[in-house]
Amino acid sequence: MSTTYDLIVIGSGTAATTVARRVSAAGLSVAVTDFRPYGGTCALRGCDPKKMLIGGTSAADHVRRMDGKGVEGEVRIDWRSSWNSNADS
């Protein structure tokens, strides 16, 4: 079985998704292919603001999981400061 498309988009990041949606909205058939999970680098594994937020939560989670294993202390995330530091980058 073969299928014909008007456009094949390689990748599923922001630019690829924008193109695919516009072409589809124009009535053309579109196929999207990506060897990684759908969403692209920025949404899933890139973008400094996201990495900063995930980094903070990962660090806090790690400290909490180490409770009773020699690591003690309360961990809190100041979301406003974190967000503001992202805006400055």
Foldseek 3Di string as FASTA:
>chain_A
DDDDFPEEFEAAEDVSVVVQVVCVVVVTGYHYDYPDPHYGCCVPPDDPLVCLVVVLVVVQVVLVVCVVVPRDDHDDDPVVVSNVVSVVD
